[in-house]
Amino acid sequence: MSGIVVVYELEQPAAGPPPGAEGVPRRVHAAPAAPGQSEAVGPRTLCGKDTFAMTRARRTPSGEPGEPWYPDEYTSAVCPDCDAAMET
């Protein structure tokens, strides 16, 4: 599963996040890595969203059969379109 980067679409509170606080993932997406840069995120997720305002996850998909590509704690926030693309 090399070449895939996990990114978070973060919640955007109306007042903005407190200084130094990390946002809460509203949705977890998969995106191809930027060409020639396995750690850099490409411009679009597998579902077609722009990755510009998204945050790269620390986790990298293991590529092991049966292992999820997303962090377990965010299972309920996984983008269904990205998940379907990862299944194919």
C-alpha atoms as a PDB file:
ATOM      1  CA  MET A   1       0.000   0.000   0.000  1.00  0.00           C
ATOM      2  CA  SER A   2       2.908   2.272  -0.591  1.00  0.00           C
ATOM      3  CA  GLY A   3       2.098   5.629  -2.018  1.00  0.00           C
ATOM      4  CA  ILE A   4      -0.969   6.207   0.178  1.00  0.00           C
ATOM      5  CA  VAL A   5      -1.106   8.908   2.852  1.00  0.00           C
ATOM      6  CA  VAL A   6      -3.837   9.220   5.505  1.00  0.00           C
ATOM      7  CA  VAL A   7      -5.171  12.770   5.942  1.00  0.00           C
ATOM      8  CA  TYR A   8      -7.694  14.361   8.286  1.00  0.00           C
ATOM      9  CA  GLU A   9     -10.400  16.813   7.335  1.00  0.00           C
ATOM     10  CA  LEU A  10     -10.619  18.688  10.629  1.00  0.00           C
ATOM     11  CA  GLU A  11     -13.601  20.193  12.415  1.00  0.00           C
ATOM     12  CA  GLN A  12     -13.593  23.962  12.084  1.00  0.00           C
ATOM     13  CA  PRO A  13     -15.132  25.553  15.205  1.00  0.00           C
ATOM     14  CA  ALA A  14     -16.869  28.884  14.598  1.00  0.00           C
ATOM     15  CA  ALA A  15     -14.471  30.731  16.910  1.00  0.00           C
ATOM     16  CA  GLY A  16     -11.419  28.923  15.557  1.00  0.00           C
ATOM     17  CA  PRO A  17      -9.263  26.429  17.430  1.00  0.00           C
ATOM     18  CA  PRO A  18      -7.475  27.460  20.625  1.00  0.00           C
ATOM     19  CA  PRO A  19      -3.796  28.308  20.082  1.00  0.00           C
ATOM     20  CA  GLY A  20      -1.678  25.154  19.865  1.00  0.00           C
ATOM     21  CA  ALA A  21      -4.688  22.814  19.829  1.00  0.00           C
ATOM     22  CA  GLU A  22      -5.027  20.055  17.282  1.00  0.00           C
ATOM     23  CA  GLY A  23      -8.371  19.839  15.530  1.00  0.00           C
ATOM     24  CA  VAL A  24     -10.693  16.869  15.779  1.00  0.00           C
ATOM     25  CA  PRO A  25     -10.948  14.832  12.571  1.00  0.00           C
ATOM     26  CA  ARG A  26     -14.381  15.256  11.024  1.00  0.00           C
ATOM     27  CA  ARG A  27     -13.486  12.841   8.239  1.00  0.00           C
ATOM     28  CA  VAL A  28     -10.511  10.556   7.543  1.00  0.00           C
ATOM     29  CA  HIS A  29      -9.393  10.353   3.908  1.00  0.00           C
ATOM     30  CA  ALA A  30      -6.801   8.475   1.874  1.00  0.00           C
ATOM     31  CA  ALA A  31      -4.704  10.362  -0.653  1.00  0.00           C
ATOM     32  CA  PRO A  32      -1.939   9.340  -3.020  1.00  0.00           C
ATOM     33  CA  ALA A  33       1.523  10.524  -2.076  1.00  0.00           C
ATOM     34  CA  ALA A  34       2.971  13.358  -4.118  1.00  0.00           C
ATOM     35  CA  PRO A  35       5.051  12.113  -7.066  1.00  0.00           C
ATOM     36  CA  GLY A  36       8.564  11.252  -5.938  1.00  0.00           C
ATOM     37  CA  GLN A  37       7.807  12.105  -2.291  1.00  0.00           C
ATOM     38  CA  SER A  38       6.384   9.159  -0.340  1.00  0.00           C
ATOM     39  CA  GLU A  39       5.735  11.273   2.779  1.00  0.00           C
ATOM     40  CA  ALA A  40       4.130  14.273   1.042  1.00  0.00           C
ATOM     41  CA  VAL A  41       0.411  14.401   0.329  1.00  0.00           C
ATOM     42  CA  GLY A  42      -0.809  14.701  -3.246  1.00  0.00           C
ATOM     43  CA  PRO A  43      -3.282  17.431  -4.221  1.00  0.00           C
ATOM     44  CA  ARG A  44      -6.497  15.355  -4.001  1.00  0.00           C
ATOM     45  CA  THR A  45      -7.897  12.553  -1.863  1.00  0.00           C
ATOM     46  CA  LEU A  46      -9.095   9.332  -3.462  1.00  0.00           C
ATOM     47  CA  CYS A  47     -12.650  10.733  -3.273  1.00  0.00           C
ATOM     48  CA  GLY A  48     -11.570  13.910  -5.101  1.00  0.00           C
ATOM     49  CA  LYS A  49     -11.381  16.449  -2.243  1.00  0.00           C
ATOM     50  CA  ASP A  50      -8.615  19.059  -2.152  1.00  0.00           C
ATOM     51  CA  THR A  51      -5.973  18.162   0.470  1.00  0.00           C
ATOM     52  CA  PHE A  52      -4.708  21.736   0.908  1.00  0.00           C
ATOM     53  CA  ALA A  53      -6.481  22.367   4.235  1.00  0.00           C
ATOM     54  CA  MET A  54      -6.162  18.787   5.498  1.00  0.00           C
ATOM     55  CA  THR A  55      -3.710  17.531   8.087  1.00  0.00           C
ATOM     56  CA  ARG A  56      -1.476  14.542   7.425  1.00  0.00           C
ATOM     57  CA  ALA A  57      -1.931  11.723   9.934  1.00  0.00           C
ATOM     58  CA  ARG A  58       1.102  10.308  11.702  1.00  0.00           C
ATOM     59  CA  ARG A  59      -0.022   6.820  10.765  1.00  0.00           C
ATOM     60  CA  THR A  60       0.967   5.249   7.460  1.00  0.00           C
ATOM     61  CA  PRO A  61      -1.056   2.308   6.126  1.00  0.00           C
ATOM     62  CA  SER A  62       0.749  -0.968   6.786  1.00  0.00           C
ATOM     63  CA  GLY A  63      -0.293  -2.609   3.541  1.00  0.00           C
ATOM     64  CA  GLU A  64      -0.932  -5.898   5.343  1.00  0.00           C
ATOM     65  CA  PRO A  65      -4.007  -7.788   4.108  1.00  0.00           C
ATOM     66  CA  GLY A  66      -6.933  -7.317   6.478  1.00  0.00           C
ATOM     67  CA  GLU A  67      -5.370  -4.333   8.264  1.00  0.00           C
ATOM     68  CA  PRO A  68      -7.306  -1.067   8.053  1.00  0.00           C
ATOM     69  CA  TRP A  69      -5.643   1.850   6.263  1.00  0.00           C
ATOM     70  CA  TYR A  70      -7.023   4.312   8.831  1.00  0.00           C
ATOM     71  CA  PRO A  71      -6.378   4.713  12.580  1.00  0.00           C
ATOM     72  CA  ASP A  72      -8.725   2.521  14.656  1.00  0.00           C
ATOM     73  CA  GLU A  73      -9.842   5.429  16.849  1.00  0.00           C
ATOM     74  CA  TYR A  74     -11.365   7.174  13.820  1.00  0.00           C
ATOM     75  CA  THR A  75     -13.261   4.238  12.310  1.00  0.00           C
ATOM     76  CA  SER A  76     -16.560   6.124  12.494  1.00  0.00           C
ATOM     77  CA  ALA A  77     -15.081   9.106  10.612  1.00  0.00           C
ATOM     78  CA  VAL A  78     -13.698   7.206   7.605  1.00  0.00           C
ATOM     79  CA  CYS A  79     -14.749   8.637   4.246  1.00  0.00           C
ATOM     80  CA  PRO A  80     -16.873   5.930   2.596  1.00  0.00           C
ATOM     81  CA  ASP A  81     -15.676   6.899  -0.897  1.00  0.00           C
ATOM     82  CA  CYS A  82     -11.986   6.723   0.070  1.00  0.00           C
ATOM     83  CA  ASP A  83     -12.619   3.418   1.865  1.00  0.00           C
ATOM     84  CA  ALA A  84     -14.293   1.973  -1.231  1.00  0.00           C
ATOM     85  CA  ALA A  85     -11.366   3.117  -3.388  1.00  0.00           C
ATOM     86  CA  MET A  86      -8.917   1.465  -0.981  1.00  0.00           C
ATOM     87  CA  GLU A  87     -10.852  -1.810  -1.211  1.00  0.00           C
ATOM     88  CA  THR A  88     -10.413  -2.054  -4.969  1.00  0.00           C
END
